[in-house]
Amino acid sequence: MITALQLRAARALLDIDQKTLAEMAGVSVPTIQRMEASRGNVRGVVDSLMKVINALNRAGVELISERVRSDDGGRGVRFRHPDALTDTPN
């Protein structure tokens, strides 16, 4: 699962606003706003959440869940190579 803090951090890494993320994911701005306002894990429609996660992945952000291998072993976000340069936001 992704937390609201991870979602905001991922947007910050990409230097994009909520509207841009919504467009990248094919969801509404209020959907992004609700996700980011969640306490703890993001709540919402699974399909919408997967669209957001996939959009972040395409843009080159890797979301790190608990107990998933990372250098520091905790939750977070990190850059990785984008899947395709054409999917990267300007």
PDB file of N, CA and C in Angstrom:
ATOM      1  N   MET A   1       0.828  -1.183   0.000  1.00  0.00           N
ATOM      2  CA  MET A   1       0.000   0.000   0.000  1.00  0.00           C
ATOM      3  C   MET A   1       0.876   1.251   0.000  1.00  0.00           C
ATOM      4  N   ILE A   2       0.335   2.321  -0.453  1.00  0.00           N
ATOM      5  CA  ILE A   2       1.026   3.610  -0.490  1.00  0.00           C
ATOM      6  C   ILE A   2       0.387   4.533   0.544  1.00  0.00           C
ATOM      7  N   THR A   3       1.207   5.335   1.179  1.00  0.00           N
ATOM      8  CA  THR A   3       0.680   6.299   2.143  1.00  0.00           C
ATOM      9  C   THR A   3       0.513   7.656   1.478  1.00  0.00           C
ATOM     10  N   ALA A   4      -0.290   8.504   2.121  1.00  0.00           N
ATOM     11  CA  ALA A   4      -0.490   9.861   1.622  1.00  0.00           C
ATOM     12  C   ALA A   4       0.840  10.618   1.583  1.00  0.00           C
ATOM     13  N   LEU A   5       1.679  10.394   2.584  1.00  0.00           N
ATOM     14  CA  LEU A   5       2.996  11.051   2.608  1.00  0.00           C
ATOM     15  C   LEU A   5       3.856  10.619   1.422  1.00  0.00           C
ATOM     16  N   GLN A   6       3.814   9.336   1.076  1.00  0.00           N
ATOM     17  CA  GLN A   6       4.571   8.852  -0.075  1.00  0.00           C
ATOM     18  C   GLN A   6       4.054   9.486  -1.364  1.00  0.00           C
ATOM     19  N   LEU A   7       2.742   9.605  -1.464  1.00  0.00           N
ATOM     20  CA  LEU A   7       2.159  10.192  -2.661  1.00  0.00           C
ATOM     21  C   LEU A   7       2.595  11.643  -2.826  1.00  0.00           C
ATOM     22  N   ARG A   8       2.553  12.405  -1.750  1.00  0.00           N
ATOM     23  CA  ARG A   8       3.001  13.804  -1.818  1.00  0.00           C
ATOM     24  C   ARG A   8       4.494  13.888  -2.106  1.00  0.00           C
ATOM     25  N   ALA A   9       5.270  12.983  -1.513  1.00  0.00           N
ATOM     26  CA  ALA A   9       6.714  12.971  -1.759  1.00  0.00           C
ATOM     27  C   ALA A   9       7.022  12.616  -3.213  1.00  0.00           C
ATOM     28  N   ALA A  10       6.269  11.696  -3.770  1.00  0.00           N
ATOM     29  CA  ALA A  10       6.470  11.318  -5.170  1.00  0.00           C
ATOM     30  C   ALA A  10       6.197  12.501  -6.085  1.00  0.00           C
ATOM     31  N   ARG A  11       5.132  13.248  -5.798  1.00  0.00           N
ATOM     32  CA  ARG A  11       4.844  14.440  -6.604  1.00  0.00           C
ATOM     33  C   ARG A  11       5.950  15.460  -6.471  1.00  0.00           C
ATOM     34  N   ALA A  12       6.475  15.609  -5.252  1.00  0.00           N
ATOM     35  CA  ALA A  12       7.558  16.571  -5.027  1.00  0.00           C
ATOM     36  C   ALA A  12       8.810  16.175  -5.811  1.00  0.00           C
ATOM     37  N   LEU A  13       9.133  14.885  -5.843  1.00  0.00           N
ATOM     38  CA  LEU A  13      10.297  14.429  -6.606  1.00  0.00           C
ATOM     39  C   LEU A  13      10.155  14.769  -8.086  1.00  0.00           C
ATOM     40  N   LEU A  14       8.944  14.672  -8.594  1.00  0.00           N
ATOM     41  CA  LEU A  14       8.692  14.969 -10.001  1.00  0.00           C
ATOM     42  C   LEU A  14       8.457  16.450 -10.248  1.00  0.00           C
ATOM     43  N   ASP A  15       8.303  17.209  -9.170  1.00  0.00           N
ATOM     44  CA  ASP A  15       8.025  18.644  -9.263  1.00  0.00           C
ATOM     45  C   ASP A  15       6.760  18.906 -10.081  1.00  0.00           C
ATOM     46  N   ILE A  16       5.702  18.175  -9.716  1.00  0.00           N
ATOM     47  CA  ILE A  16       4.413  18.337 -10.400  1.00  0.00           C
ATOM     48  C   ILE A  16       3.334  18.657  -9.375  1.00  0.00           C
ATOM     49  N   ASP A  17       2.260  19.283  -9.846  1.00  0.00           N
ATOM     50  CA  ASP A  17       1.141  19.584  -8.965  1.00  0.00           C
ATOM     51  C   ASP A  17       0.089  18.480  -9.064  1.00  0.00           C
ATOM     52  N   GLN A  18      -0.968  18.622  -8.271  1.00  0.00           N
ATOM     53  CA  GLN A  18      -2.011  17.602  -8.248  1.00  0.00           C
ATOM     54  C   GLN A  18      -2.705  17.475  -9.601  1.00  0.00           C
ATOM     55  N   LYS A  19      -2.896  18.580 -10.280  1.00  0.00           N
ATOM     56  CA  LYS A  19      -3.558  18.552 -11.581  1.00  0.00           C
ATOM     57  C   LYS A  19      -2.747  17.745 -12.587  1.00  0.00           C
ATOM     58  N   THR A  20      -1.448  17.943 -12.586  1.00  0.00           N
ATOM     59  CA  THR A  20      -0.590  17.209 -13.517  1.00  0.00           C
ATOM     60  C   THR A  20      -0.620  15.718 -13.225  1.00  0.00           C
ATOM     61  N   LEU A  21      -0.543  15.347 -11.950  1.00  0.00           N
ATOM     62  CA  LEU A  21      -0.611  13.922 -11.595  1.00  0.00           C
ATOM     63  C   LEU A  21      -1.953  13.341 -12.005  1.00  0.00           C
ATOM     64  N   ALA A  22      -3.025  14.084 -11.779  1.00  0.00           N
ATOM     65  CA  ALA A  22      -4.354  13.604 -12.167  1.00  0.00           C
ATOM     66  C   ALA A  22      -4.409  13.349 -13.667  1.00  0.00           C
ATOM     67  N   GLU A  23      -3.856  14.263 -14.456  1.00  0.00           N
ATOM     68  CA  GLU A  23      -3.834  14.089 -15.913  1.00  0.00           C
ATOM     69  C   GLU A  23      -2.987  12.888 -16.310  1.00  0.00           C
ATOM     70  N   MET A  24      -1.837  12.729 -15.675  1.00  0.00           N
ATOM     71  CA  MET A  24      -0.953  11.597 -15.983  1.00  0.00           C
ATOM     72  C   MET A  24      -1.641  10.260 -15.697  1.00  0.00           C
ATOM     73  N   ALA A  25      -2.437  10.237 -14.623  1.00  0.00           N
ATOM     74  CA  ALA A  25      -3.069   8.996 -14.181  1.00  0.00           C
ATOM     75  C   ALA A  25      -4.451   8.773 -14.788  1.00  0.00           C
ATOM     76  N   GLY A  26      -5.020   9.806 -15.370  1.00  0.00           N
ATOM     77  CA  GLY A  26      -6.368   9.672 -15.913  1.00  0.00           C
ATOM     78  C   GLY A  26      -7.439   9.625 -14.842  1.00  0.00           C
ATOM     79  N   VAL A  27      -7.203  10.371 -13.754  1.00  0.00           N
ATOM     80  CA  VAL A  27      -8.191  10.484 -12.677  1.00  0.00           C
ATOM     81  C   VAL A  27      -8.483  11.966 -12.452  1.00  0.00           C
ATOM     82  N   SER A  28      -9.447  12.264 -11.607  1.00  0.00           N
ATOM     83  CA  SER A  28      -9.800  13.661 -11.349  1.00  0.00           C
ATOM     84  C   SER A  28      -8.895  14.271 -10.282  1.00  0.00           C
ATOM     85  N   VAL A  29      -8.823  15.591 -10.288  1.00  0.00           N
ATOM     86  CA  VAL A  29      -8.056  16.300  -9.254  1.00  0.00           C
ATOM     87  C   VAL A  29      -8.634  16.017  -7.862  1.00  0.00           C
ATOM     88  N   PRO A  30      -9.979  16.033  -7.680  1.00  0.00           N
ATOM     89  CA  PRO A  30     -10.510  15.691  -6.352  1.00  0.00           C
ATOM     90  C   PRO A  30     -10.098  14.293  -5.876  1.00  0.00           C
ATOM     91  N   THR A  31      -9.909  13.363  -6.815  1.00  0.00           N
ATOM     92  CA  THR A  31      -9.441  12.023  -6.427  1.00  0.00           C
ATOM     93  C   THR A  31      -8.046  12.106  -5.831  1.00  0.00           C
ATOM     94  N   ILE A  32      -7.158  12.856  -6.466  1.00  0.00           N
ATOM     95  CA  ILE A  32      -5.796  13.030  -5.938  1.00  0.00           C
ATOM     96  C   ILE A  32      -5.856  13.739  -4.591  1.00  0.00           C
ATOM     97  N   GLN A  33      -6.688  14.764  -4.485  1.00  0.00           N
ATOM     98  CA  GLN A  33      -6.822  15.508  -3.231  1.00  0.00           C
ATOM     99  C   GLN A  33      -7.290  14.587  -2.105  1.00  0.00           C
ATOM    100  N   ARG A  34      -8.278  13.727  -2.377  1.00  0.00           N
ATOM    101  CA  ARG A  34      -8.764  12.793  -1.349  1.00  0.00           C
ATOM    102  C   ARG A  34      -7.672  11.804  -0.955  1.00  0.00           C
ATOM    103  N   MET A  35      -6.936  11.310  -1.949  1.00  0.00           N
ATOM    104  CA  MET A  35      -5.858  10.361  -1.650  1.00  0.00           C
ATOM    105  C   MET A  35      -4.810  11.008  -0.751  1.00  0.00           C
ATOM    106  N   GLU A  36      -4.436  12.232  -1.070  1.00  0.00           N
ATOM    107  CA  GLU A  36      -3.400  12.904  -0.292  1.00  0.00           C
ATOM    108  C   GLU A  36      -3.894  13.350   1.083  1.00  0.00           C
ATOM    109  N   ALA A  37      -5.203  13.438   1.264  1.00  0.00           N
ATOM    110  CA  ALA A  37      -5.753  13.825   2.560  1.00  0.00           C
ATOM    111  C   ALA A  37      -5.954  12.622   3.482  1.00  0.00           C
ATOM    112  N   SER A  38      -5.732  11.414   2.965  1.00  0.00           N
ATOM    113  CA  SER A  38      -5.890  10.204   3.773  1.00  0.00           C
ATOM    114  C   SER A  38      -4.911  10.216   4.938  1.00  0.00           C
ATOM    115  N   ARG A  39      -5.326   9.610   6.025  1.00  0.00           N
ATOM    116  CA  ARG A  39      -4.433   9.426   7.166  1.00  0.00           C
ATOM    117  C   ARG A  39      -3.846   8.020   7.042  1.00  0.00           C
ATOM    118  N   GLY A  40      -2.530   7.935   6.992  1.00  0.00           N
ATOM    119  CA  GLY A  40      -1.888   6.627   6.826  1.00  0.00           C
ATOM    120  C   GLY A  40      -1.969   6.175   5.383  1.00  0.00           C
ATOM    121  N   ASN A  41      -2.384   4.914   5.183  1.00  0.00           N
ATOM    122  CA  ASN A  41      -2.486   4.375   3.826  1.00  0.00           C
ATOM    123  C   ASN A  41      -3.561   5.107   3.039  1.00  0.00           C
ATOM    124  N   VAL A  42      -3.281   5.324   1.759  1.00  0.00           N
ATOM    125  CA  VAL A  42      -4.239   5.986   0.886  1.00  0.00           C
ATOM    126  C   VAL A  42      -5.468   5.104   0.753  1.00  0.00           C
ATOM    127  N   ARG A  43      -6.625   5.743   0.890  1.00  0.00           N
ATOM    128  CA  ARG A  43      -7.881   5.030   0.716  1.00  0.00           C
ATOM    129  C   ARG A  43      -8.539   5.525  -0.554  1.00  0.00           C
ATOM    130  N   GLY A  44      -9.283   4.647  -1.178  1.00  0.00           N
ATOM    131  CA  GLY A  44      -9.987   5.021  -2.396  1.00  0.00           C
ATOM    132  C   GLY A  44     -10.273   3.807  -3.241  1.00  0.00           C
ATOM    133  N   VAL A  45     -10.780   4.049  -4.418  1.00  0.00           N
ATOM    134  CA  VAL A  45     -11.085   2.977  -5.359  1.00  0.00           C
ATOM    135  C   VAL A  45      -9.764   2.365  -5.833  1.00  0.00           C
ATOM    136  N   VAL A  46      -9.671   1.064  -5.757  1.00  0.00           N
ATOM    137  CA  VAL A  46      -8.426   0.367  -6.101  1.00  0.00           C
ATOM    138  C   VAL A  46      -7.993   0.694  -7.523  1.00  0.00           C
ATOM    139  N   ASP A  47      -8.936   0.760  -8.458  1.00  0.00           N
ATOM    140  CA  ASP A  47      -8.604   1.055  -9.848  1.00  0.00           C
ATOM    141  C   ASP A  47      -7.940   2.435  -9.965  1.00  0.00           C
ATOM    142  N   SER A  48      -8.481   3.412  -9.261  1.00  0.00           N
ATOM    143  CA  SER A  48      -7.897   4.763  -9.296  1.00  0.00           C
ATOM    144  C   SER A  48      -6.516   4.770  -8.671  1.00  0.00           C
ATOM    145  N   LEU A  49      -6.363   4.078  -7.566  1.00  0.00           N
ATOM    146  CA  LEU A  49      -5.065   4.005  -6.900  1.00  0.00           C
ATOM    147  C   LEU A  49      -4.026   3.357  -7.809  1.00  0.00           C
ATOM    148  N   MET A  50      -4.402   2.300  -8.502  1.00  0.00           N
ATOM    149  CA  MET A  50      -3.472   1.630  -9.413  1.00  0.00           C
ATOM    150  C   MET A  50      -3.093   2.545 -10.584  1.00  0.00           C
ATOM    151  N   LYS A  51      -4.030   3.338 -11.064  1.00  0.00           N
ATOM    152  CA  LYS A  51      -3.722   4.282 -12.131  1.00  0.00           C
ATOM    153  C   LYS A  51      -2.679   5.296 -11.675  1.00  0.00           C
ATOM    154  N   VAL A  52      -2.819   5.774 -10.444  1.00  0.00           N
ATOM    155  CA  VAL A  52      -1.867   6.750  -9.902  1.00  0.00           C
ATOM    156  C   VAL A  52      -0.497   6.104  -9.725  1.00  0.00           C
ATOM    157  N   ILE A  53      -0.460   4.927  -9.139  1.00  0.00           N
ATOM    158  CA  ILE A  53       0.806   4.228  -8.927  1.00  0.00           C
ATOM    159  C   ILE A  53       1.491   3.943 -10.268  1.00  0.00           C
ATOM    160  N   ASN A  54       0.735   3.484 -11.245  1.00  0.00           N
ATOM    161  CA  ASN A  54       1.311   3.200 -12.567  1.00  0.00           C
ATOM    162  C   ASN A  54       1.838   4.471 -13.227  1.00  0.00           C
ATOM    163  N   ALA A  55       1.126   5.575 -13.075  1.00  0.00           N
ATOM    164  CA  ALA A  55       1.589   6.849 -13.650  1.00  0.00           C
ATOM    165  C   ALA A  55       2.904   7.271 -13.004  1.00  0.00           C
ATOM    166  N   LEU A  56       3.005   7.119 -11.697  1.00  0.00           N
ATOM    167  CA  LEU A  56       4.249   7.467 -11.001  1.00  0.00           C
ATOM    168  C   LEU A  56       5.387   6.559 -11.455  1.00  0.00           C
ATOM    169  N   ASN A  57       5.105   5.272 -11.605  1.00  0.00           N
ATOM    170  CA  ASN A  57       6.123   4.334 -12.092  1.00  0.00           C
ATOM    171  C   ASN A  57       6.615   4.715 -13.474  1.00  0.00           C
ATOM    172  N   ARG A  58       5.689   5.054 -14.368  1.00  0.00           N
ATOM    173  CA  ARG A  58       6.080   5.442 -15.731  1.00  0.00           C
ATOM    174  C   ARG A  58       6.940   6.698 -15.724  1.00  0.00           C
ATOM    175  N   ALA A  59       6.689   7.573 -14.759  1.00  0.00           N
ATOM    176  CA  ALA A  59       7.444   8.818 -14.669  1.00  0.00           C
ATOM    177  C   ALA A  59       8.801   8.629 -14.008  1.00  0.00           C
ATOM    178  N   GLY A  60       9.049   7.435 -13.462  1.00  0.00           N
ATOM    179  CA  GLY A  60      10.357   7.151 -12.898  1.00  0.00           C
ATOM    180  C   GLY A  60      10.437   7.156 -11.390  1.00  0.00           C
ATOM    181  N   VAL A  61       9.305   7.139 -10.711  1.00  0.00           N
ATOM    182  CA  VAL A  61       9.314   7.104  -9.245  1.00  0.00           C
ATOM    183  C   VAL A  61       8.985   5.692  -8.792  1.00  0.00           C
ATOM    184  N   GLU A  62       9.827   5.163  -7.934  1.00  0.00           N
ATOM    185  CA  GLU A  62       9.591   3.850  -7.360  1.00  0.00           C
ATOM    186  C   GLU A  62       9.063   4.029  -5.949  1.00  0.00           C
ATOM    187  N   LEU A  63       7.912   3.452  -5.667  1.00  0.00           N
ATOM    188  CA  LEU A  63       7.320   3.511  -4.334  1.00  0.00           C
ATOM    189  C   LEU A  63       7.806   2.312  -3.538  1.00  0.00           C
ATOM    190  N   ILE A  64       8.259   2.546  -2.339  1.00  0.00           N
ATOM    191  CA  ILE A  64       8.839   1.487  -1.520  1.00  0.00           C
ATOM    192  C   ILE A  64       7.904   1.216  -0.355  1.00  0.00           C
ATOM    193  N   SER A  65       7.406  -0.005  -0.276  1.00  0.00           N
ATOM    194  CA  SER A  65       6.520  -0.389   0.817  1.00  0.00           C
ATOM    195  C   SER A  65       7.331  -0.929   1.981  1.00  0.00           C
ATOM    196  N   GLU A  66       6.648  -1.091   3.108  1.00  0.00           N
ATOM    197  CA  GLU A  66       7.313  -1.688   4.261  1.00  0.00           C
ATOM    198  C   GLU A  66       7.752  -3.106   3.929  1.00  0.00           C
ATOM    199  N   ARG A  67       8.867  -3.499   4.475  1.00  0.00           N
ATOM    200  CA  ARG A  67       9.432  -4.833   4.322  1.00  0.00           C
ATOM    201  C   ARG A  67       9.814  -5.165   2.888  1.00  0.00           C
ATOM    202  N   VAL A  68       9.941  -4.143   2.051  1.00  0.00           N
ATOM    203  CA  VAL A  68      10.435  -4.332   0.698  1.00  0.00           C
ATOM    204  C   VAL A  68      11.868  -3.849   0.693  1.00  0.00           C
ATOM    205  N   ARG A  69      12.743  -4.582   0.084  1.00  0.00           N
ATOM    206  CA  ARG A  69      14.164  -4.262   0.107  1.00  0.00           C
ATOM    207  C   ARG A  69      14.430  -2.826  -0.348  1.00  0.00           C
ATOM    208  N   SER A  70      15.124  -2.128   0.502  1.00  0.00           N
ATOM    209  CA  SER A  70      15.630  -0.791   0.191  1.00  0.00           C
ATOM    210  C   SER A  70      16.873  -0.600   1.044  1.00  0.00           C
ATOM    211  N   ASP A  71      17.685   0.379   0.730  1.00  0.00           N
ATOM    212  CA  ASP A  71      18.930   0.566   1.472  1.00  0.00           C
ATOM    213  C   ASP A  71      18.699   0.813   2.958  1.00  0.00           C
ATOM    214  N   ASP A  72      17.620   1.542   3.285  1.00  0.00           N
ATOM    215  CA  ASP A  72      17.358   1.861   4.686  1.00  0.00           C
ATOM    216  C   ASP A  72      16.249   1.022   5.300  1.00  0.00           C
ATOM    217  N   GLY A  73      15.559   0.215   4.506  1.00  0.00           N
ATOM    218  CA  GLY A  73      14.562  -0.714   5.030  1.00  0.00           C
ATOM    219  C   GLY A  73      13.223  -0.123   5.407  1.00  0.00           C
ATOM    220  N   GLY A  74      12.941   1.133   5.119  1.00  0.00           N
ATOM    221  CA  GLY A  74      11.672   1.736   5.501  1.00  0.00           C
ATOM    222  C   GLY A  74      10.833   2.127   4.308  1.00  0.00           C
ATOM    223  N   ARG A  75       9.722   2.757   4.605  1.00  0.00           N
ATOM    224  CA  ARG A  75       8.861   3.269   3.542  1.00  0.00           C
ATOM    225  C   ARG A  75       9.518   4.456   2.892  1.00  0.00           C
ATOM    226  N   GLY A  76       9.114   4.757   1.675  1.00  0.00           N
ATOM    227  CA  GLY A  76       9.653   5.933   1.018  1.00  0.00           C
ATOM    228  C   GLY A  76       9.386   5.920  -0.464  1.00  0.00           C
ATOM    229  N   VAL A  77      10.043   6.807  -1.140  1.00  0.00           N
ATOM    230  CA  VAL A  77      10.012   6.873  -2.599  1.00  0.00           C
ATOM    231  C   VAL A  77      11.440   7.055  -3.056  1.00  0.00           C
ATOM    232  N   ARG A  78      11.717   6.637  -4.263  1.00  0.00           N
ATOM    233  CA  ARG A  78      13.047   6.857  -4.813  1.00  0.00           C
ATOM    234  C   ARG A  78      12.939   6.926  -6.324  1.00  0.00           C
ATOM    235  N   PHE A  79      13.885   7.589  -6.925  1.00  0.00           N
ATOM    236  CA  PHE A  79      13.926   7.646  -8.378  1.00  0.00           C
ATOM    237  C   PHE A  79      14.454   6.334  -8.918  1.00  0.00           C
ATOM    238  N   ARG A  80      13.959   5.968 -10.067  1.00  0.00           N
ATOM    239  CA  ARG A  80      14.510   4.868 -10.854  1.00  0.00           C
ATOM    240  C   ARG A  80      14.422   5.327 -12.294  1.00  0.00           C
ATOM    241  N   HIS A  81      14.929   4.555 -13.208  1.00  0.00           N
ATOM    242  CA  HIS A  81      14.898   4.951 -14.616  1.00  0.00           C
ATOM    243  C   HIS A  81      13.458   4.880 -15.133  1.00  0.00           C
ATOM    244  N   PRO A  82      12.990   5.913 -15.818  1.00  0.00           N
ATOM    245  CA  PRO A  82      11.637   5.865 -16.392  1.00  0.00           C
ATOM    246  C   PRO A  82      11.502   4.739 -17.386  1.00  0.00           C
ATOM    247  N   ASP A  83      10.295   4.190 -17.503  1.00  0.00           N
ATOM    248  CA  ASP A  83      10.048   3.110 -18.464  1.00  0.00           C
ATOM    249  C   ASP A  83      10.280   3.583 -19.898  1.00  0.00           C
ATOM    250  N   ALA A  84       9.887   4.791 -20.186  1.00  0.00           N
ATOM    251  CA  ALA A  84      10.081   5.338 -21.535  1.00  0.00           C
ATOM    252  C   ALA A  84      10.192   6.850 -21.423  1.00  0.00           C
ATOM    253  N   LEU A  85      11.100   7.418 -22.163  1.00  0.00           N
ATOM    254  CA  LEU A  85      11.292   8.863 -22.084  1.00  0.00           C
ATOM    255  C   LEU A  85      10.053   9.628 -22.488  1.00  0.00           C
ATOM    256  N   THR A  86       9.236   9.076 -23.337  1.00  0.00           N
ATOM    257  CA  THR A  86       8.042   9.788 -23.796  1.00  0.00           C
ATOM    258  C   THR A  86       6.994   9.902 -22.704  1.00  0.00           C
ATOM    259  N   ASP A  87       7.065   9.068 -21.648  1.00  0.00           N
ATOM    260  CA  ASP A  87       6.102   9.124 -20.549  1.00  0.00           C
ATOM    261  C   ASP A  87       6.522  10.078 -19.453  1.00  0.00           C
ATOM    262  N   THR A  88       7.708  10.664 -19.567  1.00  0.00           N
ATOM    263  CA  THR A  88       8.236  11.535 -18.530  1.00  0.00           C
ATOM    264  C   THR A  88       7.624  12.917 -18.651  1.00  0.00           C
ATOM    265  N   PRO A  89       7.118  13.496 -17.517  1.00  0.00           N
ATOM    266  CA  PRO A  89       6.571  14.853 -17.591  1.00  0.00           C
ATOM    267  C   PRO A  89       7.664  15.876 -17.899  1.00  0.00           C
ATOM    268  N   ASN A  90       7.293  16.964 -18.524  1.00  0.00           N
ATOM    269  CA  ASN A  90       8.263  18.015 -18.870  1.00  0.00           C
ATOM    270  C   ASN A  90       8.589  18.865 -17.682  1.00  0.00           C
TER     271      ASN A  90
END
